[in-house]
Amino acid sequence: MKDKVQETPLTETAFLVLLAMYQPNHGYGVMQFVEEKTKGRVVFGPGTLYGAINNLSKKGWIEALPVEDGDRKKEYIITDLGKQQVEMEMERLKEVYEIGMEVIWKGGKKDG
């Protein structure tokens, strides 16, 4: 489904990898970003990370940057299509959060 925006929820893995690639980043940098931002709650193994990178690349949501001579680390960056996916996910998560707040807090008063 390359070059199309999908209206399905992103997995947490895809969402976090896309966020990590708003700046040029390589696999190890993505792992560090995710572990730091989630305070260690999420730690990617290489298989999970590189599977996600391959999947996001196939969808056209990230792209590899040109590799400099002698540079062994392949860097990726989010595409405009990937940014659209992140924005849609942010709106979806905001809606879910607001529903939860409405139900749990009932206008500012926690029930229970």
PDB file of N, CA and C in Angstrom:
ATOM      1  N   MET A   1       0.840  -1.187   0.000  1.00  0.00           N
ATOM      2  CA  MET A   1       0.000   0.000   0.000  1.00  0.00           C
ATOM      3  C   MET A   1       0.886   1.252   0.000  1.00  0.00           C
ATOM      4  N   LYS A   2       1.926   1.217  -0.793  1.00  0.00           N
ATOM      5  CA  LYS A   2       2.886   2.310  -0.862  1.00  0.00           C
ATOM      6  C   LYS A   2       2.206   3.587  -1.358  1.00  0.00           C
ATOM      7  N   ASP A   3       2.666   4.707  -0.827  1.00  0.00           N
ATOM      8  CA  ASP A   3       2.195   6.036  -1.210  1.00  0.00           C
ATOM      9  C   ASP A   3       0.731   6.289  -0.863  1.00  0.00           C
ATOM     10  N   LYS A   4       0.214   5.619   0.132  1.00  0.00           N
ATOM     11  CA  LYS A   4      -1.156   5.858   0.585  1.00  0.00           C
ATOM     12  C   LYS A   4      -1.166   6.016   2.093  1.00  0.00           C
ATOM     13  N   VAL A   5      -2.038   6.905   2.544  1.00  0.00           N
ATOM     14  CA  VAL A   5      -2.234   7.073   3.979  1.00  0.00           C
ATOM     15  C   VAL A   5      -3.224   5.999   4.415  1.00  0.00           C
ATOM     16  N   GLN A   6      -2.902   5.312   5.520  1.00  0.00           N
ATOM     17  CA  GLN A   6      -3.787   4.283   6.047  1.00  0.00           C
ATOM     18  C   GLN A   6      -4.543   4.846   7.240  1.00  0.00           C
ATOM     19  N   GLU A   7      -5.818   4.548   7.294  1.00  0.00           N
ATOM     20  CA  GLU A   7      -6.630   5.052   8.394  1.00  0.00           C
ATOM     21  C   GLU A   7      -6.797   4.021   9.500  1.00  0.00           C
ATOM     22  N   THR A   8      -5.858   3.108   9.619  1.00  0.00           N
ATOM     23  CA  THR A   8      -5.885   2.135  10.701  1.00  0.00           C
ATOM     24  C   THR A   8      -4.887   2.568  11.763  1.00  0.00           C
ATOM     25  N   PRO A   9      -5.122   2.197  13.009  1.00  0.00           N
ATOM     26  CA  PRO A   9      -4.187   2.577  14.070  1.00  0.00           C
ATOM     27  C   PRO A   9      -2.791   2.025  13.810  1.00  0.00           C
ATOM     28  N   LEU A  10      -1.793   2.792  14.202  1.00  0.00           N
ATOM     29  CA  LEU A  10      -0.415   2.327  14.116  1.00  0.00           C
ATOM     30  C   LEU A  10      -0.107   1.459  15.323  1.00  0.00           C
ATOM     31  N   THR A  11       0.772   0.510  15.134  1.00  0.00           N
ATOM     32  CA  THR A  11       1.266  -0.223  16.289  1.00  0.00           C
ATOM     33  C   THR A  11       2.161   0.728  17.083  1.00  0.00           C
ATOM     34  N   GLU A  12       2.368   0.415  18.345  1.00  0.00           N
ATOM     35  CA  GLU A  12       3.259   1.238  19.153  1.00  0.00           C
ATOM     36  C   GLU A  12       4.659   1.243  18.556  1.00  0.00           C
ATOM     37  N   THR A  13       5.093   0.104  18.057  1.00  0.00           N
ATOM     38  CA  THR A  13       6.419   0.013  17.448  1.00  0.00           C
ATOM     39  C   THR A  13       6.536   0.956  16.259  1.00  0.00           C
ATOM     40  N   ALA A  14       5.580   0.891  15.329  1.00  0.00           N
ATOM     41  CA  ALA A  14       5.623   1.753  14.147  1.00  0.00           C
ATOM     42  C   ALA A  14       5.585   3.225  14.549  1.00  0.00           C
ATOM     43  N   PHE A  15       4.716   3.565  15.488  1.00  0.00           N
ATOM     44  CA  PHE A  15       4.568   4.944  15.940  1.00  0.00           C
ATOM     45  C   PHE A  15       5.885   5.471  16.512  1.00  0.00           C
ATOM     46  N   LEU A  16       6.513   4.692  17.378  1.00  0.00           N
ATOM     47  CA  LEU A  16       7.755   5.124  18.008  1.00  0.00           C
ATOM     48  C   LEU A  16       8.902   5.222  17.005  1.00  0.00           C
ATOM     49  N   VAL A  17       8.979   4.276  16.081  1.00  0.00           N
ATOM     50  CA  VAL A  17      10.032   4.329  15.055  1.00  0.00           C
ATOM     51  C   VAL A  17       9.847   5.564  14.184  1.00  0.00           C
ATOM     52  N   LEU A  18       8.622   5.845  13.780  1.00  0.00           N
ATOM     53  CA  LEU A  18       8.369   7.046  12.973  1.00  0.00           C
ATOM     54  C   LEU A  18       8.770   8.307  13.728  1.00  0.00           C
ATOM     55  N   LEU A  19       8.435   8.384  15.000  1.00  0.00           N
ATOM     56  CA  LEU A  19       8.826   9.560  15.791  1.00  0.00           C
ATOM     57  C   LEU A  19      10.344   9.694  15.860  1.00  0.00           C
ATOM     58  N   ALA A  20      11.026   8.575  16.000  1.00  0.00           N
ATOM     59  CA  ALA A  20      12.490   8.600  16.093  1.00  0.00           C
ATOM     60  C   ALA A  20      13.133   9.067  14.795  1.00  0.00           C
ATOM     61  N   MET A  21      12.391   9.000  13.709  1.00  0.00           N
ATOM     62  CA  MET A  21      12.964   9.339  12.409  1.00  0.00           C
ATOM     63  C   MET A  21      12.547  10.715  11.896  1.00  0.00           C
ATOM     64  N   TYR A  22      12.059  11.551  12.795  1.00  0.00           N
ATOM     65  CA  TYR A  22      11.828  12.946  12.404  1.00  0.00           C
ATOM     66  C   TYR A  22      13.162  13.651  12.153  1.00  0.00           C
ATOM     67  N   GLN A  23      14.221  13.088  12.705  1.00  0.00           N
ATOM     68  CA  GLN A  23      15.596  13.507  12.417  1.00  0.00           C
ATOM     69  C   GLN A  23      16.283  12.287  11.810  1.00  0.00           C
ATOM     70  N   PRO A  24      17.265  12.496  10.937  1.00  0.00           N
ATOM     71  CA  PRO A  24      17.970  11.327  10.390  1.00  0.00           C
ATOM     72  C   PRO A  24      18.461  10.424  11.524  1.00  0.00           C
ATOM     73  N   ASN A  25      18.212   9.129  11.378  1.00  0.00           N
ATOM     74  CA  ASN A  25      18.557   8.209  12.452  1.00  0.00           C
ATOM     75  C   ASN A  25      18.884   6.844  11.885  1.00  0.00           C
ATOM     76  N   HIS A  26      19.754   6.123  12.559  1.00  0.00           N
ATOM     77  CA  HIS A  26      20.101   4.749  12.207  1.00  0.00           C
ATOM     78  C   HIS A  26      19.491   3.832  13.257  1.00  0.00           C
ATOM     79  N   GLY A  27      19.567   2.534  13.009  1.00  0.00           N
ATOM     80  CA  GLY A  27      18.906   1.565  13.883  1.00  0.00           C
ATOM     81  C   GLY A  27      19.254   1.703  15.349  1.00  0.00           C
ATOM     82  N   TYR A  28      20.536   1.792  15.662  1.00  0.00           N
ATOM     83  CA  TYR A  28      20.933   1.896  17.065  1.00  0.00           C
ATOM     84  C   TYR A  28      20.410   3.197  17.675  1.00  0.00           C
ATOM     85  N   GLY A  29      20.422   4.269  16.901  1.00  0.00           N
ATOM     86  CA  GLY A  29      19.892   5.546  17.384  1.00  0.00           C
ATOM     87  C   GLY A  29      18.404   5.461  17.680  1.00  0.00           C
ATOM     88  N   VAL A  30      17.679   4.727  16.852  1.00  0.00           N
ATOM     89  CA  VAL A  30      16.243   4.526  17.084  1.00  0.00           C
ATOM     90  C   VAL A  30      16.036   3.750  18.381  1.00  0.00           C
ATOM     91  N   MET A  31      16.833   2.713  18.588  1.00  0.00           N
ATOM     92  CA  MET A  31      16.722   1.921  19.821  1.00  0.00           C
ATOM     93  C   MET A  31      16.960   2.800  21.047  1.00  0.00           C
ATOM     94  N   GLN A  32      17.975   3.640  20.991  1.00  0.00           N
ATOM     95  CA  GLN A  32      18.277   4.537  22.106  1.00  0.00           C
ATOM     96  C   GLN A  32      17.153   5.552  22.326  1.00  0.00           C
ATOM     97  N   PHE A  33      16.643   6.136  21.253  1.00  0.00           N
ATOM     98  CA  PHE A  33      15.554   7.115  21.338  1.00  0.00           C
ATOM     99  C   PHE A  33      14.343   6.505  22.043  1.00  0.00           C
ATOM    100  N   VAL A  34      13.944   5.325  21.585  1.00  0.00           N
ATOM    101  CA  VAL A  34      12.744   4.674  22.125  1.00  0.00           C
ATOM    102  C   VAL A  34      12.942   4.303  23.587  1.00  0.00           C
ATOM    103  N   GLU A  35      14.076   3.721  23.914  1.00  0.00           N
ATOM    104  CA  GLU A  35      14.319   3.332  25.300  1.00  0.00           C
ATOM    105  C   GLU A  35      14.326   4.558  26.218  1.00  0.00           C
ATOM    106  N   GLU A  36      14.949   5.637  25.752  1.00  0.00           N
ATOM    107  CA  GLU A  36      15.011   6.867  26.559  1.00  0.00           C
ATOM    108  C   GLU A  36      13.631   7.498  26.720  1.00  0.00           C
ATOM    109  N   LYS A  37      12.900   7.648  25.620  1.00  0.00           N
ATOM    110  CA  LYS A  37      11.601   8.328  25.667  1.00  0.00           C
ATOM    111  C   LYS A  37      10.563   7.537  26.456  1.00  0.00           C
ATOM    112  N   THR A  38      10.673   6.217  26.451  1.00  0.00           N
ATOM    113  CA  THR A  38       9.709   5.399  27.191  1.00  0.00           C
ATOM    114  C   THR A  38      10.233   5.024  28.572  1.00  0.00           C
ATOM    115  N   LYS A  39      11.359   5.620  28.961  1.00  0.00           N
ATOM    116  CA  LYS A  39      11.987   5.349  30.267  1.00  0.00           C
ATOM    117  C   LYS A  39      12.210   3.847  30.478  1.00  0.00           C
ATOM    118  N   GLY A  40      12.607   3.163  29.401  1.00  0.00           N
ATOM    119  CA  GLY A  40      12.927   1.748  29.485  1.00  0.00           C
ATOM    120  C   GLY A  40      11.737   0.809  29.391  1.00  0.00           C
ATOM    121  N   ARG A  41      10.529   1.341  29.259  1.00  0.00           N
ATOM    122  CA  ARG A  41       9.343   0.482  29.152  1.00  0.00           C
ATOM    123  C   ARG A  41       9.360  -0.303  27.840  1.00  0.00           C
ATOM    124  N   VAL A  42       9.888   0.332  26.784  1.00  0.00           N
ATOM    125  CA  VAL A  42       9.970  -0.321  25.482  1.00  0.00           C
ATOM    126  C   VAL A  42      11.437  -0.422  25.091  1.00  0.00           C
ATOM    127  N   VAL A  43      11.864  -1.639  24.828  1.00  0.00           N
ATOM    128  CA  VAL A  43      13.229  -1.896  24.361  1.00  0.00           C
ATOM    129  C   VAL A  43      13.104  -2.807  23.154  1.00  0.00           C
ATOM    130  N   PHE A  44      13.545  -2.325  21.999  1.00  0.00           N
ATOM    131  CA  PHE A  44      13.453  -3.121  20.776  1.00  0.00           C
ATOM    132  C   PHE A  44      14.628  -4.071  20.650  1.00  0.00           C
ATOM    133  N   GLY A  45      14.334  -5.290  20.273  1.00  0.00           N
ATOM    134  CA  GLY A  45      15.377  -6.195  19.814  1.00  0.00           C
ATOM    135  C   GLY A  45      15.643  -5.895  18.349  1.00  0.00           C
ATOM    136  N   PRO A  46      16.783  -6.321  17.839  1.00  0.00           N
ATOM    137  CA  PRO A  46      17.122  -6.028  16.446  1.00  0.00           C
ATOM    138  C   PRO A  46      16.089  -6.544  15.445  1.00  0.00           C
ATOM    139  N   GLY A  47      15.549  -7.734  15.683  1.00  0.00           N
ATOM    140  CA  GLY A  47      14.553  -8.287  14.755  1.00  0.00           C
ATOM    141  C   GLY A  47      13.305  -7.438  14.668  1.00  0.00           C
ATOM    142  N   THR A  48      12.812  -6.991  15.814  1.00  0.00           N
ATOM    143  CA  THR A  48      11.625  -6.127  15.841  1.00  0.00           C
ATOM    144  C   THR A  48      11.902  -4.816  15.143  1.00  0.00           C
ATOM    145  N   LEU A  49      13.031  -4.202  15.479  1.00  0.00           N
ATOM    146  CA  LEU A  49      13.366  -2.906  14.906  1.00  0.00           C
ATOM    147  C   LEU A  49      13.554  -2.986  13.397  1.00  0.00           C
ATOM    148  N   TYR A  50      14.371  -3.908  12.933  1.00  0.00           N
ATOM    149  CA  TYR A  50      14.649  -3.959  11.497  1.00  0.00           C
ATOM    150  C   TYR A  50      13.460  -4.474  10.703  1.00  0.00           C
ATOM    151  N   GLY A  51      12.606  -5.285  11.318  1.00  0.00           N
ATOM    152  CA  GLY A  51      11.349  -5.652  10.673  1.00  0.00           C
ATOM    153  C   GLY A  51      10.459  -4.429  10.487  1.00  0.00           C
ATOM    154  N   ALA A  52      10.391  -3.589  11.511  1.00  0.00           N
ATOM    155  CA  ALA A  52       9.587  -2.362  11.425  1.00  0.00           C
ATOM    156  C   ALA A  52      10.165  -1.409  10.386  1.00  0.00           C
ATOM    157  N   ILE A  53      11.474  -1.259  10.378  1.00  0.00           N
ATOM    158  CA  ILE A  53      12.116  -0.374   9.389  1.00  0.00           C
ATOM    159  C   ILE A  53      11.806  -0.849   7.971  1.00  0.00           C
ATOM    160  N   ASN A  54      11.934  -2.150   7.731  1.00  0.00           N
ATOM    161  CA  ASN A  54      11.624  -2.684   6.397  1.00  0.00           C
ATOM    162  C   ASN A  54      10.169  -2.437   6.022  1.00  0.00           C
ATOM    163  N   ASN A  55       9.257  -2.677   6.958  1.00  0.00           N
ATOM    164  CA  ASN A  55       7.836  -2.484   6.713  1.00  0.00           C
ATOM    165  C   ASN A  55       7.511  -1.011   6.424  1.00  0.00           C
ATOM    166  N   LEU A  56       8.036  -0.109   7.249  1.00  0.00           N
ATOM    167  CA  LEU A  56       7.767   1.319   7.059  1.00  0.00           C
ATOM    168  C   LEU A  56       8.378   1.826   5.761  1.00  0.00           C
ATOM    169  N   SER A  57       9.515   1.284   5.409  1.00  0.00           N
ATOM    170  CA  SER A  57      10.164   1.666   4.154  1.00  0.00           C
ATOM    171  C   SER A  57       9.333   1.214   2.955  1.00  0.00           C
ATOM    172  N   LYS A  58       8.828  -0.014   2.995  1.00  0.00           N
ATOM    173  CA  LYS A  58       7.988  -0.537   1.908  1.00  0.00           C
ATOM    174  C   LYS A  58       6.724   0.297   1.723  1.00  0.00           C
ATOM    175  N   LYS A  59       6.197   0.820   2.828  1.00  0.00           N
ATOM    176  CA  LYS A  59       4.983   1.635   2.774  1.00  0.00           C
ATOM    177  C   LYS A  59       5.270   3.059   2.310  1.00  0.00           C
ATOM    178  N   GLY A  60       6.539   3.411   2.235  1.00  0.00           N
ATOM    179  CA  GLY A  60       6.894   4.760   1.814  1.00  0.00           C
ATOM    180  C   GLY A  60       6.812   5.777   2.933  1.00  0.00           C
ATOM    181  N   TRP A  61       6.806   5.318   4.191  1.00  0.00           N
ATOM    182  CA  TRP A  61       6.676   6.220   5.337  1.00  0.00           C
ATOM    183  C   TRP A  61       8.021   6.687   5.860  1.00  0.00           C
ATOM    184  N   ILE A  62       9.081   5.943   5.514  1.00  0.00           N
ATOM    185  CA  ILE A  62      10.447   6.372   5.798  1.00  0.00           C
ATOM    186  C   ILE A  62      11.261   6.085   4.548  1.00  0.00           C
ATOM    187  N   GLU A  63      12.416   6.739   4.458  1.00  0.00           N
ATOM    188  CA  GLU A  63      13.296   6.448   3.336  1.00  0.00           C
ATOM    189  C   GLU A  63      14.738   6.482   3.805  1.00  0.00           C
ATOM    190  N   ALA A  64      15.556   5.669   3.146  1.00  0.00           N
ATOM    191  CA  ALA A  64      16.982   5.626   3.462  1.00  0.00           C
ATOM    192  C   ALA A  64      17.644   6.859   2.867  1.00  0.00           C
ATOM    193  N   LEU A  65      18.562   7.419   3.626  1.00  0.00           N
ATOM    194  CA  LEU A  65      19.358   8.533   3.130  1.00  0.00           C
ATOM    195  C   LEU A  65      20.551   7.985   2.364  1.00  0.00           C
ATOM    196  N   PRO A  66      21.083   8.770   1.432  1.00  0.00           N
ATOM    197  CA  PRO A  66      22.282   8.299   0.713  1.00  0.00           C
ATOM    198  C   PRO A  66      23.403   7.988   1.696  1.00  0.00           C
ATOM    199  N   VAL A  67      24.119   6.911   1.431  1.00  0.00           N
ATOM    200  CA  VAL A  67      25.207   6.473   2.301  1.00  0.00           C
ATOM    201  C   VAL A  67      26.508   7.103   1.805  1.00  0.00           C
ATOM    202  N   GLU A  68      27.223   7.726   2.733  1.00  0.00           N
ATOM    203  CA  GLU A  68      28.522   8.315   2.415  1.00  0.00           C
ATOM    204  C   GLU A  68      29.554   7.195   2.290  1.00  0.00           C
ATOM    205  N   ASP A  69      30.566   7.412   1.471  1.00  0.00           N
ATOM    206  CA  ASP A  69      31.652   6.430   1.339  1.00  0.00           C
ATOM    207  C   ASP A  69      32.266   6.142   2.702  1.00  0.00           C
ATOM    208  N   GLY A  70      32.403   4.893   3.012  1.00  0.00           N
ATOM    209  CA  GLY A  70      33.023   4.490   4.269  1.00  0.00           C
ATOM    210  C   GLY A  70      32.084   4.481   5.461  1.00  0.00           C
ATOM    211  N   ASP A  71      30.856   4.988   5.298  1.00  0.00           N
ATOM    212  CA  ASP A  71      29.900   5.006   6.410  1.00  0.00           C
ATOM    213  C   ASP A  71      29.129   3.696   6.411  1.00  0.00           C
ATOM    214  N   ARG A  72      29.191   2.977   7.496  1.00  0.00           N
ATOM    215  CA  ARG A  72      28.536   1.677   7.580  1.00  0.00           C
ATOM    216  C   ARG A  72      27.114   1.761   8.116  1.00  0.00           C
ATOM    217  N   LYS A  73      26.758   2.884   8.733  1.00  0.00           N
ATOM    218  CA  LYS A  73      25.428   3.003   9.327  1.00  0.00           C
ATOM    219  C   LYS A  73      24.451   3.607   8.312  1.00  0.00           C
ATOM    220  N   LYS A  74      23.405   2.866   8.045  1.00  0.00           N
ATOM    221  CA  LYS A  74      22.372   3.332   7.131  1.00  0.00           C
ATOM    222  C   LYS A  74      21.393   4.181   7.928  1.00  0.00           C
ATOM    223  N   GLU A  75      21.199   5.422   7.500  1.00  0.00           N
ATOM    224  CA  GLU A  75      20.265   6.315   8.189  1.00  0.00           C
ATOM    225  C   GLU A  75      18.972   6.439   7.391  1.00  0.00           C
ATOM    226  N   TYR A  76      17.905   6.668   8.138  1.00  0.00           N
ATOM    227  CA  TYR A  76      16.579   6.830   7.556  1.00  0.00           C
ATOM    228  C   TYR A  76      15.979   8.130   8.061  1.00  0.00           C
ATOM    229  N   ILE A  77      14.989   8.606   7.298  1.00  0.00           N
ATOM    230  CA  ILE A  77      14.234   9.784   7.725  1.00  0.00           C
ATOM    231  C   ILE A  77      12.774   9.574   7.347  1.00  0.00           C
ATOM    232  N   ILE A  78      11.884  10.160   8.123  1.00  0.00           N
ATOM    233  CA  ILE A  78      10.452  10.052   7.859  1.00  0.00           C
ATOM    234  C   ILE A  78      10.108  10.844   6.592  1.00  0.00           C
ATOM    235  N   THR A  79       9.169  10.344   5.821  1.00  0.00           N
ATOM    236  CA  THR A  79       8.703  11.027   4.619  1.00  0.00           C
ATOM    237  C   THR A  79       7.467  11.869   4.962  1.00  0.00           C
ATOM    238  N   ASP A  80       7.028  12.667   4.020  1.00  0.00           N
ATOM    239  CA  ASP A  80       5.796  13.434   4.233  1.00  0.00           C
ATOM    240  C   ASP A  80       4.613  12.502   4.478  1.00  0.00           C
ATOM    241  N   LEU A  81       4.579  11.378   3.775  1.00  0.00           N
ATOM    242  CA  LEU A  81       3.512  10.398   3.974  1.00  0.00           C
ATOM    243  C   LEU A  81       3.568   9.823   5.390  1.00  0.00           C
ATOM    244  N   GLY A  82       4.773   9.551   5.872  1.00  0.00           N
ATOM    245  CA  GLY A  82       4.940   9.072   7.238  1.00  0.00           C
ATOM    246  C   GLY A  82       4.472  10.097   8.253  1.00  0.00           C
ATOM    247  N   LYS A  83       4.764  11.369   7.992  1.00  0.00           N
ATOM    248  CA  LYS A  83       4.312  12.436   8.897  1.00  0.00           C
ATOM    249  C   LYS A  83       2.793  12.508   8.931  1.00  0.00           C
ATOM    250  N   GLN A  84       2.153  12.283   7.792  1.00  0.00           N
ATOM    251  CA  GLN A  84       0.681  12.265   7.774  1.00  0.00           C
ATOM    252  C   GLN A  84       0.153  11.135   8.648  1.00  0.00           C
ATOM    253  N   GLN A  85       0.819   9.976   8.590  1.00  0.00           N
ATOM    254  CA  GLN A  85       0.401   8.843   9.430  1.00  0.00           C
ATOM    255  C   GLN A  85       0.525   9.189  10.908  1.00  0.00           C
ATOM    256  N   VAL A  86       1.638   9.833  11.280  1.00  0.00           N
ATOM    257  CA  VAL A  86       1.845  10.207  12.683  1.00  0.00           C
ATOM    258  C   VAL A  86       0.774  11.200  13.118  1.00  0.00           C
ATOM    259  N   GLU A  87       0.473  12.172  12.284  1.00  0.00           N
ATOM    260  CA  GLU A  87      -0.548  13.168  12.633  1.00  0.00           C
ATOM    261  C   GLU A  87      -1.915  12.519  12.813  1.00  0.00           C
ATOM    262  N   MET A  88      -2.267  11.577  11.933  1.00  0.00           N
ATOM    263  CA  MET A  88      -3.542  10.875  12.079  1.00  0.00           C
ATOM    264  C   MET A  88      -3.571  10.071  13.369  1.00  0.00           C
ATOM    265  N   GLU A  89      -2.446   9.436  13.699  1.00  0.00           N
ATOM    266  CA  GLU A  89      -2.381   8.643  14.936  1.00  0.00           C
ATOM    267  C   GLU A  89      -2.489   9.547  16.154  1.00  0.00           C
ATOM    268  N   MET A  90      -1.881  10.707  16.101  1.00  0.00           N
ATOM    269  CA  MET A  90      -1.974  11.653  17.219  1.00  0.00           C
ATOM    270  C   MET A  90      -3.428  12.079  17.440  1.00  0.00           C
ATOM    271  N   GLU A  91      -4.145  12.321  16.377  1.00  0.00           N
ATOM    272  CA  GLU A  91      -5.562  12.688  16.495  1.00  0.00           C
ATOM    273  C   GLU A  91      -6.370  11.530  17.075  1.00  0.00           C
ATOM    274  N   ARG A  92      -6.085  10.314  16.622  1.00  0.00           N
ATOM    275  CA  ARG A  92      -6.794   9.141  17.132  1.00  0.00           C
ATOM    276  C   ARG A  92      -6.515   8.958  18.619  1.00  0.00           C
ATOM    277  N   LEU A  93      -5.248   9.073  19.014  1.00  0.00           N
ATOM    278  CA  LEU A  93      -4.890   8.908  20.419  1.00  0.00           C
ATOM    279  C   LEU A  93      -5.497  10.011  21.284  1.00  0.00           C
ATOM    280  N   LYS A  94      -5.555  11.212  20.761  1.00  0.00           N
ATOM    281  CA  LYS A  94      -6.173  12.333  21.483  1.00  0.00           C
ATOM    282  C   LYS A  94      -7.653  12.032  21.742  1.00  0.00           C
ATOM    283  N   GLU A  95      -8.327  11.527  20.729  1.00  0.00           N
ATOM    284  CA  GLU A  95      -9.746  11.192  20.880  1.00  0.00           C
ATOM    285  C   GLU A  95      -9.937  10.103  21.931  1.00  0.00           C
ATOM    286  N   VAL A  96      -9.113   9.058  21.875  1.00  0.00           N
ATOM    287  CA  VAL A  96      -9.204   7.967  22.845  1.00  0.00           C
ATOM    288  C   VAL A  96      -8.925   8.492  24.253  1.00  0.00           C
ATOM    289  N   TYR A  97      -7.907   9.330  24.400  1.00  0.00           N
ATOM    290  CA  TYR A  97      -7.558   9.915  25.692  1.00  0.00           C
ATOM    291  C   TYR A  97      -8.726  10.740  26.235  1.00  0.00           C
ATOM    292  N   GLU A  98      -9.323  11.569  25.380  1.00  0.00           N
ATOM    293  CA  GLU A  98     -10.435  12.414  25.829  1.00  0.00           C
ATOM    294  C   GLU A  98     -11.643  11.596  26.244  1.00  0.00           C
ATOM    295  N   ILE A  99     -11.920  10.508  25.536  1.00  0.00           N
ATOM    296  CA  ILE A  99     -13.017   9.621  25.934  1.00  0.00           C
ATOM    297  C   ILE A  99     -12.718   9.021  27.307  1.00  0.00           C
ATOM    298  N   GLY A 100     -11.488   8.564  27.483  1.00  0.00           N
ATOM    299  CA  GLY A 100     -11.097   8.000  28.777  1.00  0.00           C
ATOM    300  C   GLY A 100     -11.225   9.011  29.896  1.00  0.00           C
ATOM    301  N   MET A 101     -10.775  10.229  29.666  1.00  0.00           N
ATOM    302  CA  MET A 101     -10.878  11.275  30.693  1.00  0.00           C
ATOM    303  C   MET A 101     -12.334  11.576  31.022  1.00  0.00           C
ATOM    304  N   GLU A 102     -13.166  11.606  29.998  1.00  0.00           N
ATOM    305  CA  GLU A 102     -14.590  11.885  30.213  1.00  0.00           C
ATOM    306  C   GLU A 102     -15.226  10.789  31.069  1.00  0.00           C
ATOM    307  N   VAL A 103     -14.912   9.556  30.779  1.00  0.00           N
ATOM    308  CA  VAL A 103     -15.504   8.437  31.503  1.00  0.00           C
ATOM    309  C   VAL A 103     -14.942   8.342  32.924  1.00  0.00           C
ATOM    310  N   ILE A 104     -13.632   8.421  33.052  1.00  0.00           N
ATOM    311  CA  ILE A 104     -12.999   8.235  34.360  1.00  0.00           C
ATOM    312  C   ILE A 104     -13.203   9.431  35.280  1.00  0.00           C
ATOM    313  N   TRP A 105     -13.010  10.602  34.754  1.00  0.00           N
ATOM    314  CA  TRP A 105     -13.032  11.798  35.597  1.00  0.00           C
ATOM    315  C   TRP A 105     -14.392  12.492  35.632  1.00  0.00           C
ATOM    316  N   LYS A 106     -15.286  12.201  34.719  1.00  0.00           N
ATOM    317  CA  LYS A 106     -16.641  12.767  34.684  1.00  0.00           C
ATOM    318  C   LYS A 106     -16.642  14.271  35.000  1.00  0.00           C
ATOM    319  N   GLY A 107     -15.961  15.005  34.121  1.00  0.00           N
ATOM    320  CA  GLY A 107     -15.973  16.465  34.275  1.00  0.00           C
ATOM    321  C   GLY A 107     -15.087  16.981  35.384  1.00  0.00           C
ATOM    322  N   GLY A 108     -14.040  16.258  35.734  1.00  0.00           N
ATOM    323  CA  GLY A 108     -13.099  16.758  36.730  1.00  0.00           C
ATOM    324  C   GLY A 108     -13.179  16.051  38.079  1.00  0.00           C
ATOM    325  N   LYS A 109     -14.168  15.216  38.273  1.00  0.00           N
ATOM    326  CA  LYS A 109     -14.305  14.496  39.537  1.00  0.00           C
ATOM    327  C   LYS A 109     -14.082  13.012  39.269  1.00  0.00           C
ATOM    328  N   LYS A 110     -13.051  12.484  39.850  1.00  0.00           N
ATOM    329  CA  LYS A 110     -12.745  11.058  39.678  1.00  0.00           C
ATOM    330  C   LYS A 110     -13.821  10.244  40.395  1.00  0.00           C
ATOM    331  N   ASP A 111     -14.349   9.269  39.653  1.00  0.00           N
ATOM    332  CA  ASP A 111     -15.387   8.409  40.192  1.00  0.00           C
ATOM    333  C   ASP A 111     -14.727   7.269  40.978  1.00  0.00           C
ATOM    334  N   GLY A 112     -15.222   6.985  42.114  1.00  0.00           N
ATOM    335  CA  GLY A 112     -14.707   5.832  42.845  1.00  0.00           C
ATOM    336  C   GLY A 112     -14.187   6.236  44.125  1.00  0.00           C
TER     337      GLY A 112
END
